[in-house]
PDB file of N, CA and C in Angstrom:
ATOM      1  N   UNK A   1       6.507  42.703   1.274  1.00  0.00           N
ATOM      2  CA  UNK A   1       6.220  42.418  -0.249  1.00  0.00           C
ATOM      3  C   UNK A   1       5.134  42.712  -0.775  1.00  0.00           C
ATOM      4  N   UNK A   2       6.208  43.125  -2.134  1.00  0.00           N
ATOM      5  CA  UNK A   2       4.588  44.453  -3.069  1.00  0.00           C
ATOM      6  C   UNK A   2       3.831  43.519  -3.839  1.00  0.00           C
ATOM      7  N   UNK A   3       2.722  44.359  -3.816  1.00  0.00           N
ATOM      8  CA  UNK A   3       1.415  43.855  -3.976  1.00  0.00           C
ATOM      9  C   UNK A   3       2.027  44.255  -5.632  1.00  0.00           C
ATOM     10  N   UNK A   4       0.903  43.417  -6.755  1.00  0.00           N
ATOM     11  CA  UNK A   4       1.015  43.503  -8.092  1.00  0.00           C
ATOM     12  C   UNK A   4      -0.321  43.873  -8.633  1.00  0.00           C
ATOM     13  N   UNK A   5      -0.919  44.686  -9.529  1.00  0.00           N
ATOM     14  CA  UNK A   5      -1.814  44.711 -10.238  1.00  0.00           C
ATOM     15  C   UNK A   5      -2.166  42.414 -10.948  1.00  0.00           C
ATOM     16  N   UNK A   6      -3.787  42.853 -10.343  1.00  0.00           N
ATOM     17  CA  UNK A   6      -4.157  40.962 -10.817  1.00  0.00           C
ATOM     18  C   UNK A   6      -5.793  41.273 -11.344  1.00  0.00           C
ATOM     19  N   UNK A   7      -5.989  40.716 -11.894  1.00  0.00           N
ATOM     20  CA  UNK A   7      -7.163  40.678 -12.064  1.00  0.00           C
ATOM     21  C   UNK A   7      -7.718  39.383 -12.454  1.00  0.00           C
ATOM     22  N   UNK A   8      -9.228  38.246 -12.363  1.00  0.00           N
ATOM     23  CA  UNK A   8      -9.581  37.033 -12.328  1.00  0.00           C
ATOM     24  C   UNK A   8     -10.533  37.452 -12.191  1.00  0.00           C
ATOM     25  N   UNK A   9     -11.415  36.656 -13.982  1.00  0.00           N
ATOM     26  CA  UNK A   9     -12.830  36.448 -13.707  1.00  0.00           C
ATOM     27  C   UNK A   9     -12.677  35.218 -13.958  1.00  0.00           C
ATOM     28  N   UNK A  10     -14.038  34.689 -13.359  1.00  0.00           N
ATOM     29  CA  UNK A  10     -14.912  33.341 -12.937  1.00  0.00           C
ATOM     30  C   UNK A  10     -16.130  32.972 -14.029  1.00  0.00           C
ATOM     31  N   UNK A  11     -16.290  32.068 -14.655  1.00  0.00           N
ATOM     32  CA  UNK A  11     -17.284  31.396 -15.613  1.00  0.00           C
ATOM     33  C   UNK A  11     -17.323  30.257 -14.936  1.00  0.00           C
ATOM     34  N   UNK A  12     -18.444  29.830 -14.519  1.00  0.00           N
ATOM     35  CA  UNK A  12     -19.130  28.497 -14.253  1.00  0.00           C
ATOM     36  C   UNK A  12     -20.177  28.182 -15.192  1.00  0.00           C
ATOM     37  N   UNK A  13     -20.188  26.846 -15.397  1.00  0.00           N
ATOM     38  CA  UNK A  13     -21.267  26.002 -16.388  1.00  0.00           C
ATOM     39  C   UNK A  13     -21.538  25.026 -15.568  1.00  0.00           C
ATOM     40  N   UNK A  14     -23.194  25.004 -15.678  1.00  0.00           N
ATOM     41  CA  UNK A  14     -23.590  23.843 -15.174  1.00  0.00           C
ATOM     42  C   UNK A  14     -24.171  22.476 -15.880  1.00  0.00           C
ATOM     43  N   UNK A  15     -24.029  21.245 -15.086  1.00  0.00           N
ATOM     44  CA  UNK A  15     -23.995  20.172 -15.874  1.00  0.00           C
ATOM     45  C   UNK A  15     -25.443  20.427 -16.488  1.00  0.00           C
ATOM     46  N   UNK A  16     -25.455  19.996 -17.721  1.00  0.00           N
ATOM     47  CA  UNK A  16     -26.704  19.739 -18.317  1.00  0.00           C
ATOM     48  C   UNK A  16     -26.700  18.614 -19.150  1.00  0.00           C
ATOM     49  N   UNK A  17     -27.562  17.469 -18.267  1.00  0.00           N
ATOM     50  CA  UNK A  17     -27.461  16.389 -19.073  1.00  0.00           C
ATOM     51  C   UNK A  17     -27.431  16.073 -20.750  1.00  0.00           C
ATOM     52  N   UNK A  18     -26.432  15.715 -21.672  1.00  0.00           N
ATOM     53  CA  UNK A  18     -26.205  15.100 -23.083  1.00  0.00           C
ATOM     54  C   UNK A  18     -26.358  16.870 -23.476  1.00  0.00           C
ATOM     55  N   UNK A  19     -25.736  17.877 -22.531  1.00  0.00           N
ATOM     56  CA  UNK A  19     -25.169  18.722 -23.270  1.00  0.00           C
ATOM     57  C   UNK A  19     -23.819  19.227 -22.822  1.00  0.00           C
ATOM     58  N   UNK A  20     -23.977  19.623 -21.766  1.00  0.00           N
ATOM     59  CA  UNK A  20     -22.419  19.970 -21.321  1.00  0.00           C
ATOM     60  C   UNK A  20     -22.126  19.375 -20.153  1.00  0.00           C
ATOM     61  N   UNK A  21     -21.251  19.262 -19.607  1.00  0.00           N
ATOM     62  CA  UNK A  21     -20.531  19.052 -18.185  1.00  0.00           C
ATOM     63  C   UNK A  21     -20.359  19.853 -17.468  1.00  0.00           C
ATOM     64  N   UNK A  22     -20.456  19.997 -16.379  1.00  0.00           N
ATOM     65  CA  UNK A  22     -20.305  20.853 -15.405  1.00  0.00           C
ATOM     66  C   UNK A  22     -18.769  21.663 -15.403  1.00  0.00           C
ATOM     67  N   UNK A  23     -18.398  22.853 -15.327  1.00  0.00           N
ATOM     68  CA  UNK A  23     -17.039  23.084 -15.239  1.00  0.00           C
ATOM     69  C   UNK A  23     -16.726  24.255 -14.918  1.00  0.00           C
ATOM     70  N   UNK A  24     -15.771  24.970 -14.522  1.00  0.00           N
ATOM     71  CA  UNK A  24     -15.404  26.691 -14.540  1.00  0.00           C
ATOM     72  C   UNK A  24     -13.952  27.018 -15.537  1.00  0.00           C
ATOM     73  N   UNK A  25     -13.933  27.676 -15.495  1.00  0.00           N
ATOM     74  CA  UNK A  25     -12.914  29.146 -16.364  1.00  0.00           C
ATOM     75  C   UNK A  25     -12.556  29.999 -15.850  1.00  0.00           C
ATOM     76  N   UNK A  26     -11.703  29.655 -15.363  1.00  0.00           N
ATOM     77  CA  UNK A  26     -11.313  31.143 -14.928  1.00  0.00           C
ATOM     78  C   UNK A  26      -9.982  31.634 -15.754  1.00  0.00           C
ATOM     79  N   UNK A  27      -9.936  33.019 -15.696  1.00  0.00           N
ATOM     80  CA  UNK A  27      -9.768  34.219 -16.499  1.00  0.00           C
ATOM     81  C   UNK A  27      -8.588  34.772 -15.949  1.00  0.00           C
ATOM     82  N   UNK A  28      -7.253  34.948 -15.924  1.00  0.00           N
ATOM     83  CA  UNK A  28      -6.222  35.453 -14.781  1.00  0.00           C
ATOM     84  C   UNK A  28      -5.543  36.193 -15.356  1.00  0.00           C
ATOM     85  N   UNK A  29      -5.067  37.367 -14.896  1.00  0.00           N
ATOM     86  CA  UNK A  29      -3.802  38.000 -14.950  1.00  0.00           C
ATOM     87  C   UNK A  29      -3.094  38.806 -14.169  1.00  0.00           C
ATOM     88  N   UNK A  30      -1.915  38.846 -14.543  1.00  0.00           N
ATOM     89  CA  UNK A  30      -0.976  39.263 -13.701  1.00  0.00           C
ATOM     90  C   UNK A  30      -0.224  40.550 -13.829  1.00  0.00           C
ATOM     91  N   UNK A  31      -0.176  41.676 -13.187  1.00  0.00           N
ATOM     92  CA  UNK A  31       1.370  42.342 -13.643  1.00  0.00           C
ATOM     93  C   UNK A  31       2.744  42.061 -13.279  1.00  0.00           C
ATOM     94  N   UNK A  32       3.613  41.556 -14.457  1.00  0.00           N
ATOM     95  CA  UNK A  32       4.847  41.275 -14.108  1.00  0.00           C
ATOM     96  C   UNK A  32       6.227  41.902 -14.661  1.00  0.00           C
ATOM     97  N   UNK A  33       7.502  41.772 -14.392  1.00  0.00           N
ATOM     98  CA  UNK A  33       8.311  42.526 -14.525  1.00  0.00           C
ATOM     99  C   UNK A  33       8.475  42.588 -16.273  1.00  0.00           C
ATOM    100  N   UNK A  34       8.348  41.662 -16.970  1.00  0.00           N
ATOM    101  CA  UNK A  34       8.411  41.609 -18.199  1.00  0.00           C
ATOM    102  C   UNK A  34       6.976  41.947 -19.123  1.00  0.00           C
ATOM    103  N   UNK A  35       6.285  41.891 -18.733  1.00  0.00           N
ATOM    104  CA  UNK A  35       4.980  42.400 -18.889  1.00  0.00           C
ATOM    105  C   UNK A  35       3.125  41.883 -18.025  1.00  0.00           C
ATOM    106  N   UNK A  36       3.132  40.777 -18.779  1.00  0.00           N
ATOM    107  CA  UNK A  36       1.427  40.580 -18.418  1.00  0.00           C
ATOM    108  C   UNK A  36       1.786  39.159 -18.634  1.00  0.00           C
ATOM    109  N   UNK A  37       1.390  38.594 -17.156  1.00  0.00           N
ATOM    110  CA  UNK A  37       1.136  37.222 -17.180  1.00  0.00           C
ATOM    111  C   UNK A  37      -0.295  36.924 -17.483  1.00  0.00           C
ATOM    112  N   UNK A  38      -0.879  35.974 -18.377  1.00  0.00           N
ATOM    113  CA  UNK A  38      -2.368  35.883 -18.600  1.00  0.00           C
ATOM    114  C   UNK A  38      -2.099  34.355 -18.352  1.00  0.00           C
ATOM    115  N   UNK A  39      -3.277  33.857 -17.759  1.00  0.00           N
ATOM    116  CA  UNK A  39      -3.836  32.285 -17.561  1.00  0.00           C
ATOM    117  C   UNK A  39      -5.109  31.777 -17.842  1.00  0.00           C
ATOM    118  N   UNK A  40      -5.077  31.043 -18.527  1.00  0.00           N
ATOM    119  CA  UNK A  40      -6.887  30.365 -18.629  1.00  0.00           C
ATOM    120  C   UNK A  40      -6.959  29.042 -18.242  1.00  0.00           C
ATOM    121  N   UNK A  41      -7.871  28.873 -17.250  1.00  0.00           N
ATOM    122  CA  UNK A  41      -7.826  27.627 -16.155  1.00  0.00           C
ATOM    123  C   UNK A  41      -9.308  26.965 -16.279  1.00  0.00           C
ATOM    124  N   UNK A  42      -9.124  25.795 -16.715  1.00  0.00           N
ATOM    125  CA  UNK A  42     -10.593  25.181 -16.888  1.00  0.00           C
ATOM    126  C   UNK A  42     -10.192  23.717 -15.577  1.00  0.00           C
ATOM    127  N   UNK A  43     -11.602  24.005 -15.042  1.00  0.00           N
ATOM    128  CA  UNK A  43     -11.572  23.421 -13.761  1.00  0.00           C
ATOM    129  C   UNK A  43     -12.917  22.301 -14.222  1.00  0.00           C
ATOM    130  N   UNK A  44     -12.641  20.779 -13.859  1.00  0.00           N
ATOM    131  CA  UNK A  44     -13.881  19.982 -14.556  1.00  0.00           C
ATOM    132  C   UNK A  44     -13.553  18.920 -13.868  1.00  0.00           C
ATOM    133  N   UNK A  45     -14.066  18.425 -12.594  1.00  0.00           N
ATOM    134  CA  UNK A  45     -14.544  16.589 -12.029  1.00  0.00           C
ATOM    135  C   UNK A  45     -13.060  16.407 -11.020  1.00  0.00           C
ATOM    136  N   UNK A  46     -12.422  17.485 -10.625  1.00  0.00           N
ATOM    137  CA  UNK A  46     -11.177  18.067  -9.603  1.00  0.00           C
ATOM    138  C   UNK A  46      -9.810  17.856 -10.810  1.00  0.00           C
ATOM    139  N   UNK A  47     -10.275  18.419 -11.839  1.00  0.00           N
ATOM    140  CA  UNK A  47      -9.048  18.121 -12.840  1.00  0.00           C
ATOM    141  C   UNK A  47      -9.040  19.739 -13.284  1.00  0.00           C
ATOM    142  N   UNK A  48      -7.594  19.826 -13.139  1.00  0.00           N
ATOM    143  CA  UNK A  48      -7.364  21.237 -13.633  1.00  0.00           C
ATOM    144  C   UNK A  48      -6.349  21.237 -15.086  1.00  0.00           C
ATOM    145  N   UNK A  49      -7.172  22.133 -16.350  1.00  0.00           N
ATOM    146  CA  UNK A  49      -6.201  21.912 -17.083  1.00  0.00           C
ATOM    147  C   UNK A  49      -5.975  23.602 -17.273  1.00  0.00           C
ATOM    148  N   UNK A  50      -4.851  24.177 -17.939  1.00  0.00           N
ATOM    149  CA  UNK A  50      -4.487  25.284 -17.760  1.00  0.00           C
ATOM    150  C   UNK A  50      -3.399  25.682 -19.135  1.00  0.00           C
ATOM    151  N   UNK A  51      -3.388  26.776 -19.338  1.00  0.00           N
ATOM    152  CA  UNK A  51      -2.345  27.499 -20.932  1.00  0.00           C
ATOM    153  C   UNK A  51      -1.966  28.719 -19.759  1.00  0.00           C
ATOM    154  N   UNK A  52      -0.962  29.098 -20.039  1.00  0.00           N
ATOM    155  CA  UNK A  52      -0.494  30.605 -19.715  1.00  0.00           C
ATOM    156  C   UNK A  52       0.339  31.266 -20.880  1.00  0.00           C
ATOM    157  N   UNK A  53       0.287  32.609 -20.769  1.00  0.00           N
ATOM    158  CA  UNK A  53       1.476  33.618 -21.924  1.00  0.00           C
ATOM    159  C   UNK A  53       1.967  34.505 -21.499  1.00  0.00           C
ATOM    160  N   UNK A  54       2.749  35.066 -21.639  1.00  0.00           N
ATOM    161  CA  UNK A  54       3.372  36.199 -21.214  1.00  0.00           C
ATOM    162  C   UNK A  54       3.160  37.324 -22.423  1.00  0.00           C
ATOM    163  N   UNK A  55       2.827  38.176 -22.282  1.00  0.00           N
ATOM    164  CA  UNK A  55       2.413  39.493 -23.447  1.00  0.00           C
ATOM    165  C   UNK A  55       3.514  40.352 -22.791  1.00  0.00           C
ATOM    166  N   UNK A  56       3.233  41.468 -23.825  1.00  0.00           N
ATOM    167  CA  UNK A  56       4.399  42.430 -23.557  1.00  0.00           C
ATOM    168  C   UNK A  56       3.704  43.441 -24.381  1.00  0.00           C
ATOM    169  N   UNK A  57       2.738  43.862 -23.652  1.00  0.00           N
ATOM    170  CA  UNK A  57       1.852  45.183 -23.512  1.00  0.00           C
ATOM    171  C   UNK A  57       1.281  45.388 -22.488  1.00  0.00           C
ATOM    172  N   UNK A  58       0.630  47.015 -22.203  1.00  0.00           N
ATOM    173  CA  UNK A  58       0.177  47.198 -21.134  1.00  0.00           C
ATOM    174  C   UNK A  58      -0.961  46.303 -19.846  1.00  0.00           C
ATOM    175  N   UNK A  59      -0.441  46.574 -19.197  1.00  0.00           N
ATOM    176  CA  UNK A  59      -1.690  45.754 -18.175  1.00  0.00           C
ATOM    177  C   UNK A  59      -3.115  46.418 -18.619  1.00  0.00           C
ATOM    178  N   UNK A  60      -3.405  47.523 -18.631  1.00  0.00           N
ATOM    179  CA  UNK A  60      -4.724  47.577 -19.353  1.00  0.00           C
ATOM    180  C   UNK A  60      -5.187  46.704 -20.741  1.00  0.00           C
ATOM    181  N   UNK A  61      -4.628  47.360 -21.710  1.00  0.00           N
ATOM    182  CA  UNK A  61      -4.450  46.226 -22.863  1.00  0.00           C
ATOM    183  C   UNK A  61      -5.247  44.184 -22.727  1.00  0.00           C
ATOM    184  N   UNK A  62      -4.221  44.210 -21.684  1.00  0.00           N
ATOM    185  CA  UNK A  62      -4.388  42.731 -21.321  1.00  0.00           C
ATOM    186  C   UNK A  62      -5.681  42.542 -21.122  1.00  0.00           C
ATOM    187  N   UNK A  63      -5.530  43.365 -20.098  1.00  0.00           N
ATOM    188  CA  UNK A  63      -7.036  43.329 -19.268  1.00  0.00           C
ATOM    189  C   UNK A  63      -8.137  43.407 -19.807  1.00  0.00           C
ATOM    190  N   UNK A  64      -8.357  44.071 -21.018  1.00  0.00           N
ATOM    191  CA  UNK A  64      -9.299  44.068 -22.110  1.00  0.00           C
ATOM    192  C   UNK A  64      -9.334  43.049 -22.673  1.00  0.00           C
ATOM    193  N   UNK A  65      -8.489  42.309 -23.285  1.00  0.00           N
ATOM    194  CA  UNK A  65      -8.320  40.623 -23.935  1.00  0.00           C
ATOM    195  C   UNK A  65      -9.262  40.155 -22.526  1.00  0.00           C
ATOM    196  N   UNK A  66      -8.877  39.835 -21.473  1.00  0.00           N
ATOM    197  CA  UNK A  66      -9.254  39.041 -20.933  1.00  0.00           C
ATOM    198  C   UNK A  66     -10.927  38.986 -20.464  1.00  0.00           C
ATOM    199  N   UNK A  67     -11.111  40.312 -20.310  1.00  0.00           N
ATOM    200  CA  UNK A  67     -12.365  40.331 -20.309  1.00  0.00           C
ATOM    201  C   UNK A  67     -12.975  39.464 -21.413  1.00  0.00           C
ATOM    202  N   UNK A  68     -12.769  40.166 -22.660  1.00  0.00           N
ATOM    203  CA  UNK A  68     -13.073  40.181 -24.017  1.00  0.00           C
ATOM    204  C   UNK A  68     -13.499  38.138 -24.456  1.00  0.00           C
ATOM    205  N   UNK A  69     -12.451  37.750 -23.651  1.00  0.00           N
ATOM    206  CA  UNK A  69     -12.090  36.042 -23.153  1.00  0.00           C
ATOM    207  C   UNK A  69     -13.020  35.459 -22.660  1.00  0.00           C
ATOM    208  N   UNK A  70     -13.642  36.491 -21.424  1.00  0.00           N
ATOM    209  CA  UNK A  70     -14.275  35.737 -19.971  1.00  0.00           C
ATOM    210  C   UNK A  70     -16.029  36.127 -20.721  1.00  0.00           C
ATOM    211  N   UNK A  71     -15.638  37.231 -21.247  1.00  0.00           N
ATOM    212  CA  UNK A  71     -17.879  38.016 -21.995  1.00  0.00           C
ATOM    213  C   UNK A  71     -17.835  36.906 -22.974  1.00  0.00           C
ATOM    214  N   UNK A  72     -16.840  36.351 -23.681  1.00  0.00           N
ATOM    215  CA  UNK A  72     -17.321  35.644 -25.084  1.00  0.00           C
ATOM    216  C   UNK A  72     -17.017  34.183 -24.299  1.00  0.00           C
ATOM    217  N   UNK A  73     -16.738  33.782 -23.561  1.00  0.00           N
ATOM    218  CA  UNK A  73     -16.648  32.280 -23.130  1.00  0.00           C
ATOM    219  C   UNK A  73     -15.861  31.598 -23.686  1.00  0.00           C
ATOM    220  N   UNK A  74     -14.251  32.365 -24.270  1.00  0.00           N
ATOM    221  CA  UNK A  74     -13.810  31.726 -24.801  1.00  0.00           C
ATOM    222  C   UNK A  74     -12.665  30.346 -24.023  1.00  0.00           C
ATOM    223  N   UNK A  75     -12.822  29.339 -24.887  1.00  0.00           N
ATOM    224  CA  UNK A  75     -12.328  27.768 -23.690  1.00  0.00           C
ATOM    225  C   UNK A  75     -10.845  27.881 -24.457  1.00  0.00           C
ATOM    226  N   UNK A  76      -9.902  27.022 -23.513  1.00  0.00           N
ATOM    227  CA  UNK A  76      -8.797  26.804 -23.538  1.00  0.00           C
ATOM    228  C   UNK A  76      -8.276  26.226 -25.184  1.00  0.00           C
ATOM    229  N   UNK A  77      -9.458  25.641 -25.848  1.00  0.00           N
ATOM    230  CA  UNK A  77      -9.376  25.381 -27.231  1.00  0.00           C
ATOM    231  C   UNK A  77      -9.117  26.371 -28.184  1.00  0.00           C
ATOM    232  N   UNK A  78      -9.526  27.495 -27.823  1.00  0.00           N
ATOM    233  CA  UNK A  78      -9.405  28.670 -28.962  1.00  0.00           C
ATOM    234  C   UNK A  78      -8.425  29.910 -28.495  1.00  0.00           C
ATOM    235  N   UNK A  79      -8.311  30.279 -27.621  1.00  0.00           N
ATOM    236  CA  UNK A  79      -7.925  31.601 -26.168  1.00  0.00           C
ATOM    237  C   UNK A  79      -6.535  31.721 -27.238  1.00  0.00           C
ATOM    238  N   UNK A  80      -5.727  31.238 -27.664  1.00  0.00           N
ATOM    239  CA  UNK A  80      -4.620  31.569 -28.525  1.00  0.00           C
ATOM    240  C   UNK A  80      -5.121  31.833 -29.300  1.00  0.00           C
ATOM    241  N   UNK A  81      -5.783  31.340 -30.609  1.00  0.00           N
ATOM    242  CA  UNK A  81      -6.363  31.820 -31.702  1.00  0.00           C
ATOM    243  C   UNK A  81      -6.895  33.274 -31.771  1.00  0.00           C
ATOM    244  N   UNK A  82      -7.485  33.683 -30.292  1.00  0.00           N
ATOM    245  CA  UNK A  82      -8.350  34.741 -30.011  1.00  0.00           C
ATOM    246  C   UNK A  82      -7.270  36.030 -30.206  1.00  0.00           C
ATOM    247  N   UNK A  83      -6.265  35.556 -29.415  1.00  0.00           N
ATOM    248  CA  UNK A  83      -4.838  36.535 -29.388  1.00  0.00           C
ATOM    249  C   UNK A  83      -4.264  36.590 -30.723  1.00  0.00           C
ATOM    250  N   UNK A  84      -4.127  35.673 -31.534  1.00  0.00           N
ATOM    251  CA  UNK A  84      -3.547  35.974 -32.881  1.00  0.00           C
ATOM    252  C   UNK A  84      -4.388  36.415 -33.505  1.00  0.00           C
ATOM    253  N   UNK A  85      -5.692  36.458 -33.466  1.00  0.00           N
ATOM    254  CA  UNK A  85      -6.905  37.279 -34.546  1.00  0.00           C
ATOM    255  C   UNK A  85      -6.566  38.745 -33.778  1.00  0.00           C
ATOM    256  N   UNK A  86      -6.268  38.817 -32.840  1.00  0.00           N
ATOM    257  CA  UNK A  86      -6.363  40.558 -32.084  1.00  0.00           C
ATOM    258  C   UNK A  86      -5.113  41.017 -32.176  1.00  0.00           C
ATOM    259  N   UNK A  87      -3.809  40.099 -33.050  1.00  0.00           N
ATOM    260  CA  UNK A  87      -2.721  40.849 -33.546  1.00  0.00           C
ATOM    261  C   UNK A  87      -1.825  40.664 -32.301  1.00  0.00           C
ATOM    262  N   UNK A  88      -2.309  40.418 -30.893  1.00  0.00           N
ATOM    263  CA  UNK A  88      -1.640  40.158 -29.841  1.00  0.00           C
ATOM    264  C   UNK A  88      -0.301  38.957 -29.899  1.00  0.00           C
ATOM    265  N   UNK A  89       1.019  39.883 -29.745  1.00  0.00           N
ATOM    266  CA  UNK A  89       2.213  38.792 -29.803  1.00  0.00           C
ATOM    267  C   UNK A  89       2.208  38.280 -28.155  1.00  0.00           C
ATOM    268  N   UNK A  90       2.526  37.336 -28.072  1.00  0.00           N
ATOM    269  CA  UNK A  90       2.709  36.756 -26.464  1.00  0.00           C
ATOM    270  C   UNK A  90       3.691  35.226 -26.812  1.00  0.00           C
ATOM    271  N   UNK A  91       4.269  35.505 -26.096  1.00  0.00           N
ATOM    272  CA  UNK A  91       5.145  34.100 -25.219  1.00  0.00           C
ATOM    273  C   UNK A  91       4.011  32.822 -24.619  1.00  0.00           C
ATOM    274  N   UNK A  92       4.499  31.912 -25.171  1.00  0.00           N
ATOM    275  CA  UNK A  92       3.574  30.403 -24.277  1.00  0.00           C
ATOM    276  C   UNK A  92       4.368  30.583 -23.125  1.00  0.00           C
ATOM    277  N   UNK A  93       4.024  30.078 -22.075  1.00  0.00           N
ATOM    278  CA  UNK A  93       4.822  30.004 -21.040  1.00  0.00           C
ATOM    279  C   UNK A  93       4.112  28.361 -20.506  1.00  0.00           C
ATOM    280  N   UNK A  94       5.628  27.351 -21.014  1.00  0.00           N
ATOM    281  CA  UNK A  94       5.408  26.011 -21.079  1.00  0.00           C
ATOM    282  C   UNK A  94       5.518  25.793 -19.363  1.00  0.00           C
ATOM    283  N   UNK A  95       4.822  24.416 -18.987  1.00  0.00           N
ATOM    284  CA  UNK A  95       4.812  24.076 -17.519  1.00  0.00           C
ATOM    285  C   UNK A  95       4.173  24.980 -17.104  1.00  0.00           C
ATOM    286  N   UNK A  96       2.991  25.464 -17.001  1.00  0.00           N
ATOM    287  CA  UNK A  96       2.180  26.671 -16.647  1.00  0.00           C
ATOM    288  C   UNK A  96       1.768  26.171 -15.303  1.00  0.00           C
ATOM    289  N   UNK A  97       1.724  24.843 -15.199  1.00  0.00           N
ATOM    290  CA  UNK A  97       0.964  24.327 -13.863  1.00  0.00           C
ATOM    291  C   UNK A  97       1.938  24.212 -12.813  1.00  0.00           C
ATOM    292  N   UNK A  98       3.958  24.419 -12.746  1.00  0.00           N
ATOM    293  CA  UNK A  98       5.109  24.332 -11.799  1.00  0.00           C
ATOM    294  C   UNK A  98       4.948  25.416 -11.278  1.00  0.00           C
ATOM    295  N   UNK A  99       5.339  25.696 -10.023  1.00  0.00           N
ATOM    296  CA  UNK A  99       5.658  26.616  -9.240  1.00  0.00           C
ATOM    297  C   UNK A  99       6.888  27.782 -10.042  1.00  0.00           C
ATOM    298  N   UNK A 100       6.561  28.577  -9.932  1.00  0.00           N
ATOM    299  CA  UNK A 100       7.385  29.706 -10.250  1.00  0.00           C
ATOM    300  C   UNK A 100       6.846  30.477 -11.908  1.00  0.00           C
ATOM    301  N   UNK A 101       6.651  29.462 -12.099  1.00  0.00           N
ATOM    302  CA  UNK A 101       6.019  30.442 -13.753  1.00  0.00           C
ATOM    303  C   UNK A 101       5.259  30.975 -13.907  1.00  0.00           C
ATOM    304  N   UNK A 102       4.013  30.443 -13.196  1.00  0.00           N
ATOM    305  CA  UNK A 102       3.099  31.584 -13.187  1.00  0.00           C
ATOM    306  C   UNK A 102       2.564  32.272 -12.231  1.00  0.00           C
ATOM    307  N   UNK A 103       2.077  33.720 -11.752  1.00  0.00           N
ATOM    308  CA  UNK A 103       1.990  33.821 -10.532  1.00  0.00           C
ATOM    309  C   UNK A 103       0.801  33.214  -9.894  1.00  0.00           C
ATOM    310  N   UNK A 104       1.209  33.229  -9.019  1.00  0.00           N
ATOM    311  CA  UNK A 104       0.277  32.415  -7.516  1.00  0.00           C
ATOM    312  C   UNK A 104      -1.670  33.401  -7.884  1.00  0.00           C
ATOM    313  N   UNK A 105      -2.572  32.926  -8.548  1.00  0.00           N
ATOM    314  CA  UNK A 105      -3.670  33.666  -8.724  1.00  0.00           C
ATOM    315  C   UNK A 105      -4.677  33.735  -7.621  1.00  0.00           C
ATOM    316  N   UNK A 106      -4.272  32.888  -6.453  1.00  0.00           N
ATOM    317  CA  UNK A 106      -5.261  32.949  -5.555  1.00  0.00           C
ATOM    318  C   UNK A 106      -5.701  34.577  -4.815  1.00  0.00           C
ATOM    319  N   UNK A 107      -4.446  35.508  -5.254  1.00  0.00           N
ATOM    320  CA  UNK A 107      -4.906  36.711  -4.812  1.00  0.00           C
ATOM    321  C   UNK A 107      -4.144  37.130  -3.793  1.00  0.00           C
ATOM    322  N   UNK A 108      -2.925  36.148  -3.208  1.00  0.00           N
ATOM    323  CA  UNK A 108      -2.248  36.630  -1.822  1.00  0.00           C
ATOM    324  C   UNK A 108      -1.226  37.617  -2.507  1.00  0.00           C
ATOM    325  N   UNK A 109      -0.814  38.910  -1.915  1.00  0.00           N
ATOM    326  CA  UNK A 109      -0.058  39.683  -2.609  1.00  0.00           C
ATOM    327  C   UNK A 109      -0.482  40.262  -3.626  1.00  0.00           C
ATOM    328  N   UNK A 110      -1.964  40.219  -4.108  1.00  0.00           N
ATOM    329  CA  UNK A 110      -1.795  40.563  -5.522  1.00  0.00           C
ATOM    330  C   UNK A 110      -3.069  41.668  -4.958  1.00  0.00           C
ATOM    331  N   UNK A 111      -3.625  42.575  -5.833  1.00  0.00           N
ATOM    332  CA  UNK A 111      -4.104  43.714  -5.674  1.00  0.00           C
ATOM    333  C   UNK A 111      -5.310  43.818  -6.954  1.00  0.00           C
ATOM    334  N   UNK A 112      -6.263  43.513  -6.613  1.00  0.00           N
ATOM    335  CA  UNK A 112      -7.813  43.473  -7.902  1.00  0.00           C
ATOM    336  C   UNK A 112      -7.419  45.002  -8.335  1.00  0.00           C
ATOM    337  N   UNK A 113      -7.449  44.922  -9.872  1.00  0.00           N
ATOM    338  CA  UNK A 113      -7.533  46.019 -10.704  1.00  0.00           C
ATOM    339  C   UNK A 113      -8.317  47.100 -10.704  1.00  0.00           C
ATOM    340  N   UNK A 114      -8.838  48.118 -10.973  1.00  0.00           N
ATOM    341  CA  UNK A 114     -10.142  49.042 -11.367  1.00  0.00           C
ATOM    342  C   UNK A 114     -10.997  48.406 -12.302  1.00  0.00           C
ATOM    343  N   UNK A 115     -10.533  48.337 -13.154  1.00  0.00           N
ATOM    344  CA  UNK A 115     -11.230  47.648 -14.507  1.00  0.00           C
ATOM    345  C   UNK A 115     -11.443  46.611 -14.730  1.00  0.00           C
ATOM    346  N   UNK A 116     -11.271  45.628 -13.704  1.00  0.00           N
ATOM    347  CA  UNK A 116     -11.761  43.992 -13.985  1.00  0.00           C
ATOM    348  C   UNK A 116     -13.194  43.615 -13.061  1.00  0.00           C
ATOM    349  N   UNK A 117     -13.830  44.811 -12.842  1.00  0.00           N
ATOM    350  CA  UNK A 117     -14.946  44.386 -12.196  1.00  0.00           C
ATOM    351  C   UNK A 117     -15.992  44.365 -13.117  1.00  0.00           C
ATOM    352  N   UNK A 118     -17.134  43.747 -13.181  1.00  0.00           N
ATOM    353  CA  UNK A 118     -18.403  43.673 -13.873  1.00  0.00           C
ATOM    354  C   UNK A 118     -19.395  42.633 -13.296  1.00  0.00           C
TER     355      UNK A 118
END
C-alpha cells in the first residue's frame, strides 16, 4: 500500500471551572487523488464531533491553512468561515464520520509532511 502525505496538529484544553470544559481539537490533512482532505475534530467527554472538506488546492497551501487554524485555535463553529474568508474553495464532505469518506487520520499508511512540525 502506498503512503500519502499527511499532517496532524493537536490542541488540548484544560478544564477550568466556570470558564471552559476540557477538550481536544485535532486538525488533520491528507493528500488525496482529488485534492486535499482536511478534517477538524473536537473530542470532549468521550464524544467526537467532526467536519471535513475536500480542497482543490496544493497540499502545501492546505497545510498552511491547517496550521493557521491550529495556531489560532479556530473551532468547529468557525473553521468554514475562516476558509471562506481566506478565499479557499472547498467541498463539504457529508457524513465525515463514516468509513471511506475521510482518510483514516490515525497515521497508518501515512507519512508526516515536512512542513507540519512546529
